Amino acid sequence: MRLLLRAEGNNISKETILTKVWGYDSDAVENHVEVYIGFLRKKLANIGSNVRIEAIRRLGYHLEVCVHA
């Protein structure tokens, strides 16, 4: 979550998340990122957050603030 917050609305790739969270020498794969993004999405939904994690095909993820009228 911290990486997404620091990206300030910019996309952050799965590869970047893998290396920053698990490190270069890890056996982690992109599926690990997808699982944890799903976990974070559920946490955000459970607390009623207006922030969503959006997946951008081939580019990664970014945070989006939902504004309700």
N, C-alpha and C. Protein backbone atom coordinates (compact mmCIF):
# COMPACT_ATOMS: atom_id res chain seq x y z
N MET A 1 0.83 -1.18 0.00
CA MET A 1 0.00 0.00 0.00
C MET A 1 0.88 1.25 0.00
N ARG A 2 1.95 1.19 0.75
CA ARG A 2 2.86 2.33 0.82
C ARG A 2 3.42 2.69 -0.55
N LEU A 3 3.76 1.68 -1.36
CA LEU A 3 4.29 1.94 -2.70
C LEU A 3 3.25 2.66 -3.56
N LEU A 4 2.02 2.22 -3.47
CA LEU A 4 0.95 2.85 -4.25
C LEU A 4 0.71 4.29 -3.80
N LEU A 5 0.77 4.51 -2.51
CA LEU A 5 0.59 5.86 -1.99
C LEU A 5 1.72 6.78 -2.44
N ARG A 6 2.93 6.28 -2.41
CA ARG A 6 4.09 7.08 -2.81
C ARG A 6 4.10 7.36 -4.31
N ALA A 7 3.43 6.53 -5.09
CA ALA A 7 3.40 6.72 -6.55
C ALA A 7 2.57 7.94 -6.94
N GLU A 8 1.78 8.46 -6.01
CA GLU A 8 0.99 9.68 -6.20
C GLU A 8 0.17 9.67 -7.49
N GLY A 9 -0.63 8.61 -7.68
CA GLY A 9 -1.50 8.54 -8.84
C GLY A 9 -0.87 7.98 -10.09
N ASN A 10 0.45 7.78 -10.08
CA ASN A 10 1.13 7.18 -11.23
C ASN A 10 1.02 5.67 -11.15
N ASN A 11 1.20 5.03 -12.28
CA ASN A 11 1.17 3.57 -12.31
C ASN A 11 2.45 3.01 -11.71
N ILE A 12 2.30 1.86 -11.06
CA ILE A 12 3.45 1.14 -10.53
C ILE A 12 3.34 -0.30 -11.03
N SER A 13 4.36 -0.77 -11.67
CA SER A 13 4.32 -2.09 -12.32
C SER A 13 4.40 -3.23 -11.31
N LYS A 14 3.93 -4.38 -11.74
CA LYS A 14 4.04 -5.58 -10.91
C LYS A 14 5.50 -5.90 -10.61
N GLU A 15 6.35 -5.71 -11.60
CA GLU A 15 7.77 -5.98 -11.42
C GLU A 15 8.38 -5.09 -10.35
N THR A 16 7.99 -3.83 -10.35
CA THR A 16 8.48 -2.90 -9.33
C THR A 16 8.00 -3.32 -7.96
N ILE A 17 6.73 -3.68 -7.86
CA ILE A 17 6.19 -4.12 -6.58
C ILE A 17 6.92 -5.36 -6.10
N LEU A 18 7.15 -6.32 -7.01
CA LEU A 18 7.87 -7.54 -6.64
C LEU A 18 9.24 -7.24 -6.07
N THR A 19 10.01 -6.41 -6.74
CA THR A 19 11.38 -6.15 -6.27
C THR A 19 11.41 -5.30 -5.01
N LYS A 20 10.49 -4.35 -4.88
CA LYS A 20 10.48 -3.48 -3.70
C LYS A 20 9.97 -4.20 -2.46
N VAL A 21 9.00 -5.10 -2.63
CA VAL A 21 8.40 -5.78 -1.48
C VAL A 21 9.14 -7.08 -1.15
N TRP A 22 9.39 -7.90 -2.16
CA TRP A 22 9.99 -9.20 -1.92
C TRP A 22 11.49 -9.24 -2.16
N GLY A 23 12.03 -8.30 -2.93
CA GLY A 23 13.47 -8.26 -3.19
C GLY A 23 13.86 -9.00 -4.45
N TYR A 24 15.07 -8.71 -4.91
CA TYR A 24 15.58 -9.30 -6.15
C TYR A 24 15.79 -10.81 -6.04
N ASP A 25 16.22 -11.27 -4.90
CA ASP A 25 16.57 -12.68 -4.73
C ASP A 25 15.40 -13.57 -4.34
N SER A 26 14.22 -13.04 -4.36
CA SER A 26 13.04 -13.78 -3.92
C SER A 26 12.54 -14.72 -5.02
N ASP A 27 11.84 -15.75 -4.58
CA ASP A 27 11.19 -16.68 -5.51
C ASP A 27 9.76 -16.24 -5.82
N ALA A 28 9.36 -15.08 -5.35
CA ALA A 28 8.01 -14.57 -5.57
C ALA A 28 7.78 -14.32 -7.06
N VAL A 29 6.53 -14.50 -7.48
CA VAL A 29 6.15 -14.28 -8.88
C VAL A 29 5.01 -13.27 -8.94
N GLU A 30 4.65 -12.85 -10.15
CA GLU A 30 3.63 -11.82 -10.31
C GLU A 30 2.30 -12.20 -9.66
N ASN A 31 2.01 -13.49 -9.58
CA ASN A 31 0.77 -13.91 -8.94
C ASN A 31 0.72 -13.49 -7.48
N HIS A 32 1.87 -13.44 -6.81
CA HIS A 32 1.91 -12.98 -5.42
C HIS A 32 1.41 -11.53 -5.33
N VAL A 33 1.82 -10.72 -6.29
CA VAL A 33 1.37 -9.32 -6.31
C VAL A 33 -0.14 -9.27 -6.46
N GLU A 34 -0.68 -10.06 -7.39
CA GLU A 34 -2.13 -10.08 -7.62
C GLU A 34 -2.90 -10.49 -6.37
N VAL A 35 -2.37 -11.48 -5.66
CA VAL A 35 -3.03 -11.95 -4.43
C VAL A 35 -3.04 -10.84 -3.38
N TYR A 36 -1.92 -10.17 -3.19
CA TYR A 36 -1.86 -9.12 -2.18
C TYR A 36 -2.65 -7.88 -2.58
N ILE A 37 -2.72 -7.58 -3.86
CA ILE A 37 -3.58 -6.47 -4.32
C ILE A 37 -5.03 -6.81 -4.00
N GLY A 38 -5.42 -8.05 -4.22
CA GLY A 38 -6.78 -8.48 -3.86
C GLY A 38 -7.03 -8.33 -2.37
N PHE A 39 -6.05 -8.69 -1.56
CA PHE A 39 -6.15 -8.54 -0.11
C PHE A 39 -6.34 -7.07 0.27
N LEU A 40 -5.53 -6.19 -0.35
CA LEU A 40 -5.65 -4.76 -0.05
C LEU A 40 -7.00 -4.21 -0.50
N ARG A 41 -7.49 -4.66 -1.63
CA ARG A 41 -8.81 -4.21 -2.11
C ARG A 41 -9.91 -4.58 -1.12
N LYS A 42 -9.84 -5.79 -0.58
CA LYS A 42 -10.84 -6.23 0.40
C LYS A 42 -10.76 -5.39 1.66
N LYS A 43 -9.54 -5.12 2.11
CA LYS A 43 -9.36 -4.28 3.31
C LYS A 43 -9.95 -2.89 3.08
N LEU A 44 -9.68 -2.29 1.93
CA LEU A 44 -10.21 -0.96 1.62
C LEU A 44 -11.74 -0.98 1.59
N ALA A 45 -12.31 -2.03 1.00
CA ALA A 45 -13.78 -2.15 0.95
C ALA A 45 -14.36 -2.33 2.34
N ASN A 46 -13.70 -3.12 3.19
CA ASN A 46 -14.22 -3.37 4.54
C ASN A 46 -14.24 -2.13 5.41
N ILE A 47 -13.32 -1.21 5.17
CA ILE A 47 -13.32 0.01 5.98
C ILE A 47 -14.12 1.13 5.33
N GLY A 48 -14.73 0.84 4.17
CA GLY A 48 -15.55 1.83 3.50
C GLY A 48 -14.75 2.96 2.87
N SER A 49 -13.55 2.67 2.46
CA SER A 49 -12.66 3.68 1.88
C SER A 49 -13.17 4.14 0.52
N ASN A 50 -12.89 5.41 0.20
CA ASN A 50 -13.23 5.91 -1.13
C ASN A 50 -12.02 5.78 -2.07
N VAL A 51 -11.04 5.02 -1.66
CA VAL A 51 -9.84 4.78 -2.48
C VAL A 51 -9.93 3.37 -3.05
N ARG A 52 -9.65 3.26 -4.36
CA ARG A 52 -9.64 1.96 -5.03
C ARG A 52 -8.28 1.73 -5.66
N ILE A 53 -7.92 0.47 -5.77
CA ILE A 53 -6.71 0.09 -6.49
C ILE A 53 -7.14 -0.36 -7.87
N GLU A 54 -6.73 0.39 -8.88
CA GLU A 54 -7.09 0.10 -10.25
C GLU A 54 -5.95 -0.63 -10.95
N ALA A 55 -6.30 -1.65 -11.72
CA ALA A 55 -5.33 -2.36 -12.54
C ALA A 55 -5.36 -1.75 -13.94
N ILE A 56 -4.19 -1.44 -14.44
CA ILE A 56 -4.04 -0.92 -15.78
C ILE A 56 -3.29 -1.98 -16.59
N ARG A 57 -3.96 -2.58 -17.53
CA ARG A 57 -3.39 -3.70 -18.28
C ARG A 57 -2.01 -3.35 -18.84
N ARG A 58 -1.07 -4.23 -18.56
CA ARG A 58 0.34 -4.15 -18.99
C ARG A 58 1.12 -2.99 -18.37
N LEU A 59 0.49 -2.19 -17.51
CA LEU A 59 1.19 -1.07 -16.88
C LEU A 59 1.31 -1.22 -15.37
N GLY A 60 0.40 -1.97 -14.75
CA GLY A 60 0.47 -2.15 -13.31
C GLY A 60 -0.77 -1.66 -12.60
N TYR A 61 -0.55 -0.99 -11.48
CA TYR A 61 -1.64 -0.56 -10.61
C TYR A 61 -1.46 0.91 -10.22
N HIS A 62 -2.58 1.54 -9.87
CA HIS A 62 -2.52 2.87 -9.27
C HIS A 62 -3.72 3.06 -8.37
N LEU A 63 -3.63 4.03 -7.47
CA LEU A 63 -4.73 4.35 -6.58
C LEU A 63 -5.64 5.37 -7.24
N GLU A 64 -6.93 5.19 -7.02
CA GLU A 64 -7.91 6.11 -7.56
C GLU A 64 -8.87 6.48 -6.43
N VAL A 65 -9.11 7.77 -6.27
CA VAL A 65 -10.05 8.25 -5.27
C VAL A 65 -11.41 8.38 -5.94
N CYS A 66 -12.41 7.73 -5.37
CA CYS A 66 -13.77 7.76 -5.90
C CYS A 66 -14.52 8.90 -5.21
N VAL A 67 -15.07 9.78 -6.00
CA VAL A 67 -15.83 10.91 -5.48
C VAL A 67 -17.30 10.65 -5.78
N HIS A 68 -18.10 10.58 -4.74
CA HIS A 68 -19.55 10.35 -4.90
C HIS A 68 -20.26 11.68 -4.82
N ALA A 69 -21.15 11.89 -5.76
CA ALA A 69 -21.90 13.17 -5.79
C ALA A 69 -23.06 13.16 -4.84
